[in-house]
N, C-alpha and C. Protein backbone atom coordinates (compact mmCIF):
# COMPACT_ATOMS: atom_id res chain seq x y z
N MET A 1 99.67 142.15 -26.91
CA MET A 1 98.47 141.42 -26.55
C MET A 1 98.02 141.87 -25.17
N ILE A 2 96.84 142.39 -25.07
CA ILE A 2 96.28 142.85 -23.81
C ILE A 2 95.29 141.81 -23.31
N SER A 3 95.46 141.41 -22.07
CA SER A 3 94.52 140.45 -21.50
C SER A 3 93.74 141.12 -20.39
N ASP A 4 92.62 140.51 -20.03
CA ASP A 4 91.82 141.04 -18.93
C ASP A 4 92.58 140.85 -17.63
N MET A 5 92.57 141.89 -16.84
CA MET A 5 93.25 141.80 -15.55
C MET A 5 92.34 141.11 -14.54
N LYS A 6 92.94 140.15 -13.82
CA LYS A 6 92.21 139.47 -12.76
C LYS A 6 92.20 140.36 -11.52
N PRO A 7 91.22 140.17 -10.66
CA PRO A 7 91.25 140.88 -9.39
C PRO A 7 92.51 140.49 -8.60
N LEU A 8 93.05 141.41 -7.83
CA LEU A 8 94.29 141.17 -7.10
C LEU A 8 94.18 139.98 -6.16
N ILE A 9 93.05 139.80 -5.52
CA ILE A 9 92.87 138.67 -4.62
C ILE A 9 93.02 137.35 -5.35
N GLU A 10 92.53 137.30 -6.57
CA GLU A 10 92.65 136.08 -7.37
C GLU A 10 94.10 135.84 -7.76
N VAL A 11 94.81 136.89 -8.12
CA VAL A 11 96.24 136.76 -8.46
C VAL A 11 97.01 136.26 -7.24
N ASN A 12 96.73 136.84 -6.07
CA ASN A 12 97.41 136.42 -4.84
C ASN A 12 97.15 134.95 -4.52
N GLN A 13 95.90 134.53 -4.65
CA GLN A 13 95.56 133.14 -4.38
C GLN A 13 96.27 132.19 -5.33
N GLN A 14 96.33 132.55 -6.61
CA GLN A 14 97.00 131.72 -7.59
C GLN A 14 98.51 131.67 -7.31
N ALA A 15 99.09 132.80 -6.96
CA ALA A 15 100.52 132.85 -6.67
C ALA A 15 100.87 131.99 -5.45
N ILE A 16 100.05 132.09 -4.41
CA ILE A 16 100.31 131.28 -3.21
C ILE A 16 100.16 129.80 -3.52
N HIS A 17 99.15 129.46 -4.29
CA HIS A 17 98.97 128.05 -4.68
C HIS A 17 100.20 127.54 -5.44
N LEU A 18 100.72 128.34 -6.37
CA LEU A 18 101.90 127.93 -7.13
C LEU A 18 103.14 127.81 -6.24
N LEU A 19 103.29 128.74 -5.30
CA LEU A 19 104.42 128.65 -4.36
C LEU A 19 104.34 127.36 -3.56
N TYR A 20 103.16 127.03 -3.03
CA TYR A 20 103.00 125.80 -2.26
C TYR A 20 103.33 124.58 -3.11
N LYS A 21 102.84 124.60 -4.34
CA LYS A 21 103.04 123.46 -5.24
C LYS A 21 104.51 123.28 -5.58
N GLU A 22 105.19 124.38 -5.89
CA GLU A 22 106.58 124.29 -6.35
C GLU A 22 107.61 124.21 -5.22
N LEU A 23 107.34 124.91 -4.12
CA LEU A 23 108.32 124.98 -3.03
C LEU A 23 107.98 124.09 -1.85
N GLY A 24 106.72 123.71 -1.74
CA GLY A 24 106.26 123.04 -0.53
C GLY A 24 105.80 124.10 0.45
N VAL A 25 104.99 123.69 1.40
CA VAL A 25 104.38 124.64 2.32
C VAL A 25 105.43 125.36 3.17
N VAL A 26 106.38 124.63 3.73
CA VAL A 26 107.36 125.23 4.63
C VAL A 26 108.19 126.30 3.93
N ASP A 27 108.75 125.98 2.78
CA ASP A 27 109.58 126.96 2.08
C ASP A 27 108.75 128.10 1.51
N ALA A 28 107.52 127.83 1.11
CA ALA A 28 106.65 128.91 0.63
C ALA A 28 106.36 129.89 1.76
N VAL A 29 106.09 129.39 2.95
CA VAL A 29 105.84 130.26 4.09
C VAL A 29 107.10 131.04 4.45
N ARG A 30 108.26 130.39 4.42
CA ARG A 30 109.52 131.09 4.69
C ARG A 30 109.72 132.22 3.70
N PHE A 31 109.41 131.97 2.43
CA PHE A 31 109.54 132.99 1.40
C PHE A 31 108.60 134.16 1.67
N LEU A 32 107.34 133.87 1.98
CA LEU A 32 106.35 134.92 2.20
C LEU A 32 106.63 135.74 3.44
N ARG A 33 107.22 135.13 4.46
CA ARG A 33 107.52 135.86 5.69
C ARG A 33 108.52 136.98 5.49
N GLN A 34 109.31 136.91 4.43
CA GLN A 34 110.26 137.98 4.15
C GLN A 34 109.57 139.31 3.92
N PHE A 35 108.32 139.27 3.53
CA PHE A 35 107.61 140.47 3.11
C PHE A 35 106.64 141.00 4.16
N THR A 36 106.66 140.42 5.35
CA THR A 36 105.80 140.94 6.41
C THR A 36 106.61 141.87 7.30
N GLN A 37 105.97 142.86 7.85
CA GLN A 37 106.67 143.84 8.65
C GLN A 37 106.70 143.50 10.13
N GLY A 38 105.93 142.55 10.55
CA GLY A 38 105.88 142.25 11.96
C GLY A 38 105.05 143.27 12.71
N PHE A 39 105.18 143.26 14.03
CA PHE A 39 104.39 144.18 14.83
C PHE A 39 105.12 144.45 16.13
N GLY A 40 104.68 145.45 16.84
CA GLY A 40 105.27 145.79 18.12
C GLY A 40 106.46 146.72 17.98
N ASN A 41 107.06 147.03 19.12
CA ASN A 41 108.21 147.91 19.17
C ASN A 41 109.31 147.17 19.91
N TYR A 42 110.19 146.51 19.15
CA TYR A 42 111.21 145.66 19.75
C TYR A 42 112.13 146.47 20.68
N THR A 43 112.48 147.68 20.30
CA THR A 43 113.38 148.49 21.12
C THR A 43 112.76 148.75 22.49
N GLN A 44 111.52 149.14 22.51
CA GLN A 44 110.83 149.40 23.78
C GLN A 44 110.68 148.11 24.60
N GLU A 45 110.32 147.02 23.95
CA GLU A 45 110.17 145.73 24.65
C GLU A 45 111.49 145.28 25.23
N ARG A 46 112.57 145.44 24.48
CA ARG A 46 113.90 145.04 24.95
C ARG A 46 114.31 145.85 26.16
N GLU A 47 114.07 147.15 26.12
CA GLU A 47 114.41 148.01 27.25
C GLU A 47 113.65 147.61 28.50
N THR A 48 112.39 147.25 28.35
CA THR A 48 111.58 146.81 29.49
C THR A 48 112.06 145.45 30.00
N MET A 49 112.33 144.54 29.08
CA MET A 49 112.71 143.18 29.43
C MET A 49 114.04 143.12 30.17
N PHE A 50 114.99 143.94 29.77
CA PHE A 50 116.33 143.88 30.33
C PHE A 50 116.68 145.07 31.23
N ALA A 51 115.69 145.82 31.67
CA ALA A 51 115.92 147.05 32.44
C ALA A 51 116.73 146.81 33.71
N ASP A 52 116.45 145.74 34.43
CA ASP A 52 117.12 145.50 35.72
C ASP A 52 118.25 144.48 35.62
N LYS A 53 118.72 144.18 34.42
CA LYS A 53 119.74 143.13 34.25
C LYS A 53 121.01 143.73 33.68
N SER A 54 122.11 143.24 34.18
CA SER A 54 123.40 143.64 33.62
C SER A 54 123.72 142.72 32.45
N PHE A 55 124.74 143.07 31.72
CA PHE A 55 125.19 142.23 30.61
C PHE A 55 125.57 140.85 31.13
N GLU A 56 126.26 140.82 32.26
CA GLU A 56 126.68 139.55 32.85
C GLU A 56 125.48 138.69 33.24
N ASP A 57 124.41 139.33 33.77
CA ASP A 57 123.19 138.60 34.11
C ASP A 57 122.59 137.92 32.88
N ILE A 58 122.55 138.64 31.80
CA ILE A 58 121.98 138.12 30.55
C ILE A 58 122.82 136.95 30.04
N VAL A 59 124.14 137.12 30.04
CA VAL A 59 125.04 136.05 29.59
C VAL A 59 124.86 134.81 30.47
N ASN A 60 124.78 134.99 31.77
CA ASN A 60 124.59 133.85 32.68
C ASN A 60 123.27 133.13 32.41
N GLU A 61 122.22 133.88 32.15
CA GLU A 61 120.93 133.26 31.84
C GLU A 61 121.00 132.43 30.55
N ILE A 62 121.69 132.97 29.55
CA ILE A 62 121.85 132.24 28.29
C ILE A 62 122.61 130.95 28.52
N GLU A 63 123.71 131.04 29.25
CA GLU A 63 124.52 129.84 29.53
C GLU A 63 123.73 128.81 30.33
N GLN A 64 122.94 129.27 31.29
CA GLN A 64 122.12 128.37 32.09
C GLN A 64 121.07 127.66 31.22
N ARG A 65 120.46 128.39 30.33
CA ARG A 65 119.45 127.79 29.43
C ARG A 65 120.09 126.76 28.51
N LYS A 66 121.31 127.04 28.05
CA LYS A 66 122.00 126.07 27.20
C LYS A 66 122.26 124.78 27.96
N LYS A 67 122.63 124.89 29.22
CA LYS A 67 122.91 123.71 30.03
C LYS A 67 121.66 122.89 30.26
N THR A 68 120.54 123.54 30.54
CA THR A 68 119.30 122.80 30.82
C THR A 68 118.66 122.25 29.55
N ALA A 69 119.02 122.79 28.40
CA ALA A 69 118.44 122.32 27.13
C ALA A 69 119.08 121.00 26.68
N LYS A 70 120.24 120.69 27.21
CA LYS A 70 120.94 119.46 26.77
C LYS A 70 120.38 118.24 27.35
C-alpha cells in the first residue's frame, strides 16, 4: 500500500506533537537534544578559559563554589 508522502515539515511537526503528548515537554526536549550538534569550539574555549590556571587553581575554585552553594 503506497500512501502520499507528507512534506517533511509536516512530519516533523506531527512527531514533535506526539513526543510532547506522550513524554511531556521536558522529556521530549531531553530526547530531541540528543540529536543536536551544538556550536562553538569547546577545546579552544577551554584552552582560553584555563590558560593561566594550574590544576590546583581549578580544583580550589570548584571546592570554593561548592562551599558557597550550600
